[in-house]
Amino acid sequence: MEIILNRFNSRLGDIDESSASKALARPINWRIPNNYAAARAAQNTGIPLAMGDSPIARILVQMAKVTCGKPLSTEKKVGRGFSLFRSRALPAPVET
């Protein structure tokens, strides 16, 4: 079991993270940031949050990678020269 703080904002929360962790007697594993604009845009357009580029999407991707047993960050290979056929790597997720 993992504990997830949804709509987490350390500056505006009524209950701080350490108090929540003590009350639950378990560490907090994930913090999904409060990003109203990204959530509202996903709702209005029908595009899932995980498909966008927002702090919420980056955390969701990280959670999915950990669940699948994949590493959180991938090392970029330094290529030499220009190639029309080389795929572009996606940006690495930001760890919080």
PDB file of N, CA and C in Angstrom:
ATOM      1  N   MET A   1       0.849  -1.165   0.000  1.00  0.00           N
ATOM      2  CA  MET A   1       0.000   0.000   0.000  1.00  0.00           C
ATOM      3  C   MET A   1       0.901   1.235   0.000  1.00  0.00           C
ATOM      4  N   GLU A   2       0.520   2.210  -0.790  1.00  0.00           N
ATOM      5  CA  GLU A   2       1.243   3.476  -0.834  1.00  0.00           C
ATOM      6  C   GLU A   2       0.282   4.612  -0.525  1.00  0.00           C
ATOM      7  N   ILE A   3       0.793   5.625   0.136  1.00  0.00           N
ATOM      8  CA  ILE A   3      -0.004   6.798   0.492  1.00  0.00           C
ATOM      9  C   ILE A   3       0.261   7.888  -0.538  1.00  0.00           C
ATOM     10  N   ILE A   4      -0.826   8.441  -1.091  1.00  0.00           N
ATOM     11  CA  ILE A   4      -0.738   9.484  -2.118  1.00  0.00           C
ATOM     12  C   ILE A   4      -1.468  10.723  -1.616  1.00  0.00           C
ATOM     13  N   LEU A   5      -0.764  11.844  -1.608  1.00  0.00           N
ATOM     14  CA  LEU A   5      -1.398  13.122  -1.284  1.00  0.00           C
ATOM     15  C   LEU A   5      -1.873  13.739  -2.597  1.00  0.00           C
ATOM     16  N   ASN A   6      -3.176  13.900  -2.729  1.00  0.00           N
ATOM     17  CA  ASN A   6      -3.746  14.470  -3.947  1.00  0.00           C
ATOM     18  C   ASN A   6      -3.978  15.968  -3.743  1.00  0.00           C
ATOM     19  N   ARG A   7      -3.704  16.748  -4.797  1.00  0.00           N
ATOM     20  CA  ARG A   7      -3.827  18.210  -4.759  1.00  0.00           C
ATOM     21  C   ARG A   7      -2.956  18.792  -3.645  1.00  0.00           C
ATOM     22  N   PHE A   8      -1.722  18.293  -3.587  1.00  0.00           N
ATOM     23  CA  PHE A   8      -0.785  18.667  -2.537  1.00  0.00           C
ATOM     24  C   PHE A   8      -0.200  20.052  -2.787  1.00  0.00           C
ATOM     25  N   ASN A   9      -0.239  20.887  -1.768  1.00  0.00           N
ATOM     26  CA  ASN A   9       0.398  22.200  -1.790  1.00  0.00           C
ATOM     27  C   ASN A   9       0.935  22.435  -0.387  1.00  0.00           C
ATOM     28  N   SER A  10       2.232  22.319  -0.214  1.00  0.00           N
ATOM     29  CA  SER A  10       2.832  22.394   1.118  1.00  0.00           C
ATOM     30  C   SER A  10       2.615  23.740   1.797  1.00  0.00           C
ATOM     31  N   ARG A  11       2.456  24.792   1.022  1.00  0.00           N
ATOM     32  CA  ARG A  11       2.302  26.125   1.620  1.00  0.00           C
ATOM     33  C   ARG A  11       0.880  26.425   2.072  1.00  0.00           C
ATOM     34  N   LEU A  12      -0.112  25.809   1.449  1.00  0.00           N
ATOM     35  CA  LEU A  12      -1.497  26.174   1.737  1.00  0.00           C
ATOM     36  C   LEU A  12      -2.298  25.093   2.450  1.00  0.00           C
ATOM     37  N   GLY A  13      -1.674  23.994   2.805  1.00  0.00           N
ATOM     38  CA  GLY A  13      -2.409  22.890   3.413  1.00  0.00           C
ATOM     39  C   GLY A  13      -2.806  23.151   4.848  1.00  0.00           C
ATOM     40  N   ASP A  14      -3.975  22.635   5.235  1.00  0.00           N
ATOM     41  CA  ASP A  14      -4.420  22.745   6.623  1.00  0.00           C
ATOM     42  C   ASP A  14      -3.662  21.761   7.509  1.00  0.00           C
ATOM     43  N   ILE A  15      -3.310  20.612   6.927  1.00  0.00           N
ATOM     44  CA  ILE A  15      -2.567  19.590   7.653  1.00  0.00           C
ATOM     45  C   ILE A  15      -1.224  19.420   6.953  1.00  0.00           C
ATOM     46  N   ASP A  16      -0.145  19.548   7.705  1.00  0.00           N
ATOM     47  CA  ASP A  16       1.170  19.409   7.078  1.00  0.00           C
ATOM     48  C   ASP A  16       1.490  17.933   6.846  1.00  0.00           C
ATOM     49  N   GLU A  17       2.449  17.702   5.987  1.00  0.00           N
ATOM     50  CA  GLU A  17       2.807  16.351   5.568  1.00  0.00           C
ATOM     51  C   GLU A  17       3.273  15.479   6.732  1.00  0.00           C
ATOM     52  N   SER A  18       4.065  16.024   7.627  1.00  0.00           N
ATOM     53  CA  SER A  18       4.563  15.221   8.742  1.00  0.00           C
ATOM     54  C   SER A  18       3.431  14.799   9.682  1.00  0.00           C
ATOM     55  N   SER A  19       2.451  15.667   9.890  1.00  0.00           N
ATOM     56  CA  SER A  19       1.307  15.309  10.736  1.00  0.00           C
ATOM     57  C   SER A  19       0.477  14.206  10.091  1.00  0.00           C
ATOM     58  N   ALA A  20       0.288  14.295   8.775  1.00  0.00           N
ATOM     59  CA  ALA A  20      -0.463  13.261   8.059  1.00  0.00           C
ATOM     60  C   ALA A  20       0.268  11.926   8.136  1.00  0.00           C
ATOM     61  N   SER A  21       1.570  11.961   7.961  1.00  0.00           N
ATOM     62  CA  SER A  21       2.375  10.747   8.027  1.00  0.00           C
ATOM     63  C   SER A  21       2.311  10.111   9.421  1.00  0.00           C
ATOM     64  N   LYS A  22       2.365  10.942  10.456  1.00  0.00           N
ATOM     65  CA  LYS A  22       2.266  10.430  11.826  1.00  0.00           C
ATOM     66  C   LYS A  22       0.886   9.833  12.084  1.00  0.00           C
ATOM     67  N   ALA A  23      -0.163  10.506  11.635  1.00  0.00           N
ATOM     68  CA  ALA A  23      -1.528  10.031  11.870  1.00  0.00           C
ATOM     69  C   ALA A  23      -1.785   8.702  11.155  1.00  0.00           C
ATOM     70  N   LEU A  24      -1.209   8.530   9.986  1.00  0.00           N
ATOM     71  CA  LEU A  24      -1.406   7.306   9.220  1.00  0.00           C
ATOM     72  C   LEU A  24      -0.406   6.218   9.593  1.00  0.00           C
ATOM     73  N   ALA A  25       0.618   6.587  10.341  1.00  0.00           N
ATOM     74  CA  ALA A  25       1.696   5.675  10.749  1.00  0.00           C
ATOM     75  C   ALA A  25       2.372   5.046   9.538  1.00  0.00           C
ATOM     76  N   ARG A  26       2.444   5.793   8.461  1.00  0.00           N
ATOM     77  CA  ARG A  26       3.095   5.347   7.224  1.00  0.00           C
ATOM     78  C   ARG A  26       3.691   6.568   6.533  1.00  0.00           C
ATOM     79  N   PRO A  27       4.763   6.372   5.787  1.00  0.00           N
ATOM     80  CA  PRO A  27       5.330   7.511   5.049  1.00  0.00           C
ATOM     81  C   PRO A  27       4.456   7.872   3.842  1.00  0.00           C
ATOM     82  N   ILE A  28       4.548   9.120   3.429  1.00  0.00           N
ATOM     83  CA  ILE A  28       3.853   9.593   2.232  1.00  0.00           C
ATOM     84  C   ILE A  28       4.725   9.205   1.036  1.00  0.00           C
ATOM     85  N   ASN A  29       4.173   8.441   0.101  1.00  0.00           N
ATOM     86  CA  ASN A  29       4.947   7.962  -1.033  1.00  0.00           C
ATOM     87  C   ASN A  29       4.901   8.905  -2.236  1.00  0.00           C
ATOM     88  N   TRP A  30       3.751   9.492  -2.498  1.00  0.00           N
ATOM     89  CA  TRP A  30       3.588  10.337  -3.683  1.00  0.00           C
ATOM     90  C   TRP A  30       2.826  11.602  -3.317  1.00  0.00           C
ATOM     91  N   ARG A  31       3.175  12.679  -4.008  1.00  0.00           N
ATOM     92  CA  ARG A  31       2.509  13.970  -3.832  1.00  0.00           C
ATOM     93  C   ARG A  31       2.076  14.471  -5.202  1.00  0.00           C
ATOM     94  N   ILE A  32       0.778  14.454  -5.459  1.00  0.00           N
ATOM     95  CA  ILE A  32       0.261  14.973  -6.720  1.00  0.00           C
ATOM     96  C   ILE A  32      -0.032  16.451  -6.498  1.00  0.00           C
ATOM     97  N   PRO A  33       0.640  17.324  -7.248  1.00  0.00           N
ATOM     98  CA  PRO A  33       0.490  18.760  -6.995  1.00  0.00           C
ATOM     99  C   PRO A  33      -0.896  19.273  -7.363  1.00  0.00           C
ATOM    100  N   ASN A  34      -1.275  20.348  -6.728  1.00  0.00           N
ATOM    101  CA  ASN A  34      -2.537  21.004  -7.020  1.00  0.00           C
ATOM    102  C   ASN A  34      -2.321  21.906  -8.230  1.00  0.00           C
ATOM    103  N   ASN A  35      -2.873  21.542  -9.359  1.00  0.00           N
ATOM    104  CA  ASN A  35      -2.733  22.331 -10.583  1.00  0.00           C
ATOM    105  C   ASN A  35      -4.099  22.430 -11.230  1.00  0.00           C
ATOM    106  N   TYR A  36      -4.870  23.389 -10.743  1.00  0.00           N
ATOM    107  CA  TYR A  36      -6.248  23.549 -11.184  1.00  0.00           C
ATOM    108  C   TYR A  36      -6.338  23.778 -12.689  1.00  0.00           C
ATOM    109  N   ALA A  37      -5.432  24.574 -13.239  1.00  0.00           N
ATOM    110  CA  ALA A  37      -5.484  24.902 -14.666  1.00  0.00           C
ATOM    111  C   ALA A  37      -5.331  23.656 -15.537  1.00  0.00           C
ATOM    112  N   ALA A  38      -4.386  22.791 -15.191  1.00  0.00           N
ATOM    113  CA  ALA A  38      -4.161  21.567 -15.974  1.00  0.00           C
ATOM    114  C   ALA A  38      -5.351  20.619 -15.843  1.00  0.00           C
ATOM    115  N   ALA A  39      -5.888  20.492 -14.626  1.00  0.00           N
ATOM    116  CA  ALA A  39      -7.034  19.604 -14.416  1.00  0.00           C
ATOM    117  C   ALA A  39      -8.262  20.111 -15.162  1.00  0.00           C
ATOM    118  N   ARG A  40      -8.477  21.402 -15.141  1.00  0.00           N
ATOM    119  CA  ARG A  40      -9.635  21.993 -15.832  1.00  0.00           C
ATOM    120  C   ARG A  40      -9.477  21.863 -17.344  1.00  0.00           C
ATOM    121  N   ALA A  41      -8.265  22.076 -17.861  1.00  0.00           N
ATOM    122  CA  ALA A  41      -8.019  21.931 -19.303  1.00  0.00           C
ATOM    123  C   ALA A  41      -8.267  20.490 -19.744  1.00  0.00           C
ATOM    124  N   ALA A  42      -7.860  19.531 -18.946  1.00  0.00           N
ATOM    125  CA  ALA A  42      -8.093  18.118 -19.280  1.00  0.00           C
ATOM    126  C   ALA A  42      -9.591  17.823 -19.298  1.00  0.00           C
ATOM    127  N   GLN A  43     -10.295  18.401 -18.359  1.00  0.00           N
ATOM    128  CA  GLN A  43     -11.741  18.193 -18.297  1.00  0.00           C
ATOM    129  C   GLN A  43     -12.435  18.835 -19.502  1.00  0.00           C
ATOM    130  N   ASN A  44     -12.022  20.024 -19.871  1.00  0.00           N
ATOM    131  CA  ASN A  44     -12.667  20.735 -20.980  1.00  0.00           C
ATOM    132  C   ASN A  44     -12.353  20.147 -22.348  1.00  0.00           C
ATOM    133  N   THR A  45     -11.144  19.634 -22.524  1.00  0.00           N
ATOM    134  CA  THR A  45     -10.735  19.130 -23.839  1.00  0.00           C
ATOM    135  C   THR A  45     -10.925  17.625 -23.989  1.00  0.00           C
ATOM    136  N   GLY A  46     -11.061  16.920 -22.871  1.00  0.00           N
ATOM    137  CA  GLY A  46     -11.193  15.473 -22.928  1.00  0.00           C
ATOM    138  C   GLY A  46      -9.864  14.756 -23.100  1.00  0.00           C
ATOM    139  N   ILE A  47      -8.767  15.500 -23.025  1.00  0.00           N
ATOM    140  CA  ILE A  47      -7.434  14.896 -23.127  1.00  0.00           C
ATOM    141  C   ILE A  47      -6.979  14.528 -21.719  1.00  0.00           C
ATOM    142  N   PRO A  48      -6.641  13.243 -21.487  1.00  0.00           N
ATOM    143  CA  PRO A  48      -6.238  12.824 -20.133  1.00  0.00           C
ATOM    144  C   PRO A  48      -5.044  13.614 -19.618  1.00  0.00           C
ATOM    145  N   LEU A  49      -5.035  13.842 -18.309  1.00  0.00           N
ATOM    146  CA  LEU A  49      -3.925  14.568 -17.681  1.00  0.00           C
ATOM    147  C   LEU A  49      -2.578  13.938 -17.998  1.00  0.00           C
ATOM    148  N   ALA A  50      -2.514  12.626 -18.029  1.00  0.00           N
ATOM    149  CA  ALA A  50      -1.243  11.936 -18.265  1.00  0.00           C
ATOM    150  C   ALA A  50      -0.707  12.181 -19.669  1.00  0.00           C
ATOM    151  N   MET A  51      -1.526  12.631 -20.587  1.00  0.00           N
ATOM    152  CA  MET A  51      -1.089  12.886 -21.958  1.00  0.00           C
ATOM    153  C   MET A  51      -0.550  14.297 -22.141  1.00  0.00           C
ATOM    154  N   GLY A  52      -0.736  15.154 -21.161  1.00  0.00           N
ATOM    155  CA  GLY A  52      -0.288  16.541 -21.268  1.00  0.00           C
ATOM    156  C   GLY A  52       1.102  16.737 -20.701  1.00  0.00           C
ATOM    157  N   ASP A  53       1.505  18.000 -20.628  1.00  0.00           N
ATOM    158  CA  ASP A  53       2.795  18.355 -20.055  1.00  0.00           C
ATOM    159  C   ASP A  53       2.537  19.308 -18.896  1.00  0.00           C
ATOM    160  N   SER A  54       2.318  18.730 -17.733  1.00  0.00           N
ATOM    161  CA  SER A  54       2.058  19.519 -16.536  1.00  0.00           C
ATOM    162  C   SER A  54       2.726  18.810 -15.363  1.00  0.00           C
ATOM    163  N   PRO A  55       2.839  19.480 -14.233  1.00  0.00           N
ATOM    164  CA  PRO A  55       3.411  18.812 -13.056  1.00  0.00           C
ATOM    165  C   PRO A  55       2.622  17.553 -12.673  1.00  0.00           C
ATOM    166  N   ILE A  56       1.303  17.589 -12.845  1.00  0.00           N
ATOM    167  CA  ILE A  56       0.482  16.417 -12.542  1.00  0.00           C
ATOM    168  C   ILE A  56       0.843  15.274 -13.481  1.00  0.00           C
ATOM    169  N   ALA A  57       0.970  15.567 -14.765  1.00  0.00           N
ATOM    170  CA  ALA A  57       1.299  14.537 -15.757  1.00  0.00           C
ATOM    171  C   ALA A  57       2.651  13.907 -15.461  1.00  0.00           C
ATOM    172  N   ARG A  58       3.625  14.715 -15.060  1.00  0.00           N
ATOM    173  CA  ARG A  58       4.950  14.173 -14.764  1.00  0.00           C
ATOM    174  C   ARG A  58       4.904  13.202 -13.583  1.00  0.00           C
ATOM    175  N   ILE A  59       4.130  13.520 -12.560  1.00  0.00           N
ATOM    176  CA  ILE A  59       3.994  12.625 -11.404  1.00  0.00           C
ATOM    177  C   ILE A  59       3.260  11.351 -11.810  1.00  0.00           C
ATOM    178  N   LEU A  60       2.198  11.478 -12.614  1.00  0.00           N
ATOM    179  CA  LEU A  60       1.464  10.291 -13.061  1.00  0.00           C
ATOM    180  C   LEU A  60       2.361   9.357 -13.872  1.00  0.00           C
ATOM    181  N   VAL A  61       3.202   9.921 -14.714  1.00  0.00           N
ATOM    182  CA  VAL A  61       4.136   9.104 -15.498  1.00  0.00           C
ATOM    183  C   VAL A  61       5.135   8.418 -14.570  1.00  0.00           C
ATOM    184  N   GLN A  62       5.635   9.131 -13.583  1.00  0.00           N
ATOM    185  CA  GLN A  62       6.571   8.542 -12.627  1.00  0.00           C
ATOM    186  C   GLN A  62       5.909   7.393 -11.868  1.00  0.00           C
ATOM    187  N   MET A  63       4.660   7.593 -11.434  1.00  0.00           N
ATOM    188  CA  MET A  63       3.940   6.553 -10.712  1.00  0.00           C
ATOM    189  C   MET A  63       3.755   5.314 -11.590  1.00  0.00           C
ATOM    190  N   ALA A  64       3.421   5.518 -12.854  1.00  0.00           N
ATOM    191  CA  ALA A  64       3.239   4.398 -13.778  1.00  0.00           C
ATOM    192  C   ALA A  64       4.551   3.649 -13.994  1.00  0.00           C
ATOM    193  N   LYS A  65       5.649   4.386 -14.136  1.00  0.00           N
ATOM    194  CA  LYS A  65       6.954   3.739 -14.325  1.00  0.00           C
ATOM    195  C   LYS A  65       7.331   2.889 -13.123  1.00  0.00           C
ATOM    196  N   VAL A  66       7.148   3.408 -11.937  1.00  0.00           N
ATOM    197  CA  VAL A  66       7.485   2.659 -10.728  1.00  0.00           C
ATOM    198  C   VAL A  66       6.605   1.411 -10.631  1.00  0.00           C
ATOM    199  N   THR A  67       5.332   1.546 -10.947  1.00  0.00           N
ATOM    200  CA  THR A  67       4.412   0.415 -10.899  1.00  0.00           C
ATOM    201  C   THR A  67       4.841  -0.684 -11.866  1.00  0.00           C
ATOM    202  N   CYS A  68       5.350  -0.286 -13.033  1.00  0.00           N
ATOM    203  CA  CYS A  68       5.801  -1.259 -14.045  1.00  0.00           C
ATOM    204  C   CYS A  68       7.222  -1.737 -13.810  1.00  0.00           C
ATOM    205  N   GLY A  69       7.905  -1.186 -12.814  1.00  0.00           N
ATOM    206  CA  GLY A  69       9.270  -1.597 -12.530  1.00  0.00           C
ATOM    207  C   GLY A  69      10.307  -0.938 -13.419  1.00  0.00           C
ATOM    208  N   LYS A  70       9.947   0.149 -14.081  1.00  0.00           N
ATOM    209  CA  LYS A  70      10.892   0.855 -14.941  1.00  0.00           C
ATOM    210  C   LYS A  70      11.611   1.942 -14.141  1.00  0.00           C
ATOM    211  N   PRO A  71      12.825   2.315 -14.563  1.00  0.00           N
ATOM    212  CA  PRO A  71      13.546   3.391 -13.857  1.00  0.00           C
ATOM    213  C   PRO A  71      12.845   4.732 -14.054  1.00  0.00           C
ATOM    214  N   LEU A  72      12.978   5.614 -13.062  1.00  0.00           N
ATOM    215  CA  LEU A  72      12.326   6.924 -13.133  1.00  0.00           C
ATOM    216  C   LEU A  72      12.921   7.818 -14.206  1.00  0.00           C
ATOM    217  N   SER A  73      14.228   7.826 -14.337  1.00  0.00           N
ATOM    218  CA  SER A  73      14.835   8.694 -15.340  1.00  0.00           C
ATOM    219  C   SER A  73      15.665   7.853 -16.290  1.00  0.00           C
ATOM    220  N   THR A  74      15.654   8.278 -17.534  1.00  0.00           N
ATOM    221  CA  THR A  74      16.457   7.590 -18.529  1.00  0.00           C
ATOM    222  C   THR A  74      17.609   8.491 -18.924  1.00  0.00           C
ATOM    223  N   GLU A  75      18.775   7.889 -19.105  1.00  0.00           N
ATOM    224  CA  GLU A  75      19.934   8.672 -19.512  1.00  0.00           C
ATOM    225  C   GLU A  75      19.859   8.910 -21.008  1.00  0.00           C
ATOM    226  N   LYS A  76      20.097  10.145 -21.400  1.00  0.00           N
ATOM    227  CA  LYS A  76      20.102  10.478 -22.814  1.00  0.00           C
ATOM    228  C   LYS A  76      21.395  10.013 -23.448  1.00  0.00           C
ATOM    229  N   LYS A  77      21.290   9.408 -24.614  1.00  0.00           N
ATOM    230  CA  LYS A  77      22.474   9.034 -25.363  1.00  0.00           C
ATOM    231  C   LYS A  77      22.870  10.224 -26.227  1.00  0.00           C
ATOM    232  N   VAL A  78      24.133  10.539 -26.196  1.00  0.00           N
ATOM    233  CA  VAL A  78      24.621  11.669 -26.972  1.00  0.00           C
ATOM    234  C   VAL A  78      24.874  11.178 -28.392  1.00  0.00           C
ATOM    235  N   GLY A  79      24.134  11.745 -29.314  1.00  0.00           N
ATOM    236  CA  GLY A  79      24.295  11.357 -30.713  1.00  0.00           C
ATOM    237  C   GLY A  79      25.271  12.284 -31.412  1.00  0.00           C
ATOM    238  N   ARG A  80      25.807  11.797 -32.497  1.00  0.00           N
ATOM    239  CA  ARG A  80      26.740  12.615 -33.273  1.00  0.00           C
ATOM    240  C   ARG A  80      26.131  12.864 -34.639  1.00  0.00           C
ATOM    241  N   GLY A  81      26.143  14.093 -35.033  1.00  0.00           N
ATOM    242  CA  GLY A  81      25.654  14.431 -36.362  1.00  0.00           C
ATOM    243  C   GLY A  81      24.140  14.519 -36.422  1.00  0.00           C
ATOM    244  N   PHE A  82      23.659  14.672 -37.614  1.00  0.00           N
ATOM    245  CA  PHE A  82      22.242  14.861 -37.870  1.00  0.00           C
ATOM    246  C   PHE A  82      21.679  13.608 -38.522  1.00  0.00           C
ATOM    247  N   SER A  83      20.504  13.207 -38.122  1.00  0.00           N
ATOM    248  CA  SER A  83      19.863  12.051 -38.726  1.00  0.00           C
ATOM    249  C   SER A  83      18.384  12.322 -38.883  1.00  0.00           C
ATOM    250  N   LEU A  84      17.868  12.042 -40.045  1.00  0.00           N
ATOM    251  CA  LEU A  84      16.433  12.201 -40.280  1.00  0.00           C
ATOM    252  C   LEU A  84      15.635  11.084 -39.622  1.00  0.00           C
ATOM    253  N   PHE A  85      16.280   9.968 -39.323  1.00  0.00           N
ATOM    254  CA  PHE A  85      15.577   8.793 -38.853  1.00  0.00           C
ATOM    255  C   PHE A  85      15.700   8.548 -37.358  1.00  0.00           C
ATOM    256  N   ARG A  86      16.456   9.351 -36.668  1.00  0.00           N
ATOM    257  CA  ARG A  86      16.616   9.184 -35.227  1.00  0.00           C
ATOM    258  C   ARG A  86      15.378   9.752 -34.529  1.00  0.00           C
ATOM    259  N   SER A  87      14.824   8.991 -33.602  1.00  0.00           N
ATOM    260  CA  SER A  87      13.651   9.466 -32.879  1.00  0.00           C
ATOM    261  C   SER A  87      14.084  10.457 -31.808  1.00  0.00           C
ATOM    262  N   ARG A  88      13.191  11.354 -31.490  1.00  0.00           N
ATOM    263  CA  ARG A  88      13.468  12.338 -30.451  1.00  0.00           C
ATOM    264  C   ARG A  88      13.053  11.766 -29.112  1.00  0.00           C
ATOM    265  N   ALA A  89      13.911  11.913 -28.119  1.00  0.00           N
ATOM    266  CA  ALA A  89      13.614  11.417 -26.781  1.00  0.00           C
ATOM    267  C   ALA A  89      12.677  12.379 -26.075  1.00  0.00           C
ATOM    268  N   LEU A  90      11.756  11.825 -25.270  1.00  0.00           N
ATOM    269  CA  LEU A  90      10.874  12.647 -24.469  1.00  0.00           C
ATOM    270  C   LEU A  90      11.659  13.191 -23.289  1.00  0.00           C
ATOM    271  N   PRO A  91      11.300  14.368 -22.778  1.00  0.00           N
ATOM    272  CA  PRO A  91      12.012  14.907 -21.619  1.00  0.00           C
ATOM    273  C   PRO A  91      11.813  14.006 -20.403  1.00  0.00           C
ATOM    274  N   ALA A  92      12.846  13.925 -19.599  1.00  0.00           N
ATOM    275  CA  ALA A  92      12.782  13.106 -18.386  1.00  0.00           C
ATOM    276  C   ALA A  92      11.848  13.772 -17.378  1.00  0.00           C
ATOM    277  N   PRO A  93      11.081  12.985 -16.594  1.00  0.00           N
ATOM    278  CA  PRO A  93      10.192  13.564 -15.593  1.00  0.00           C
ATOM    279  C   PRO A  93      10.984  14.222 -14.473  1.00  0.00           C
ATOM    280  N   VAL A  94      10.387  15.224 -13.891  1.00  0.00           N
ATOM    281  CA  VAL A  94      11.021  15.941 -12.789  1.00  0.00           C
ATOM    282  C   VAL A  94      10.689  15.230 -11.497  1.00  0.00           C
ATOM    283  N   GLU A  95      11.692  14.887 -10.720  1.00  0.00           N
ATOM    284  CA  GLU A  95      11.457  14.224  -9.458  1.00  0.00           C
ATOM    285  C   GLU A  95      11.215  15.269  -8.379  1.00  0.00           C
ATOM    286  N   THR A  96      10.251  14.978  -7.519  1.00  0.00           N
ATOM    287  CA  THR A  96       9.946  15.900  -6.421  1.00  0.00           C
ATOM    288  C   THR A  96      10.221  15.273  -5.107  1.00  0.00           C
TER     289      THR A  96
END
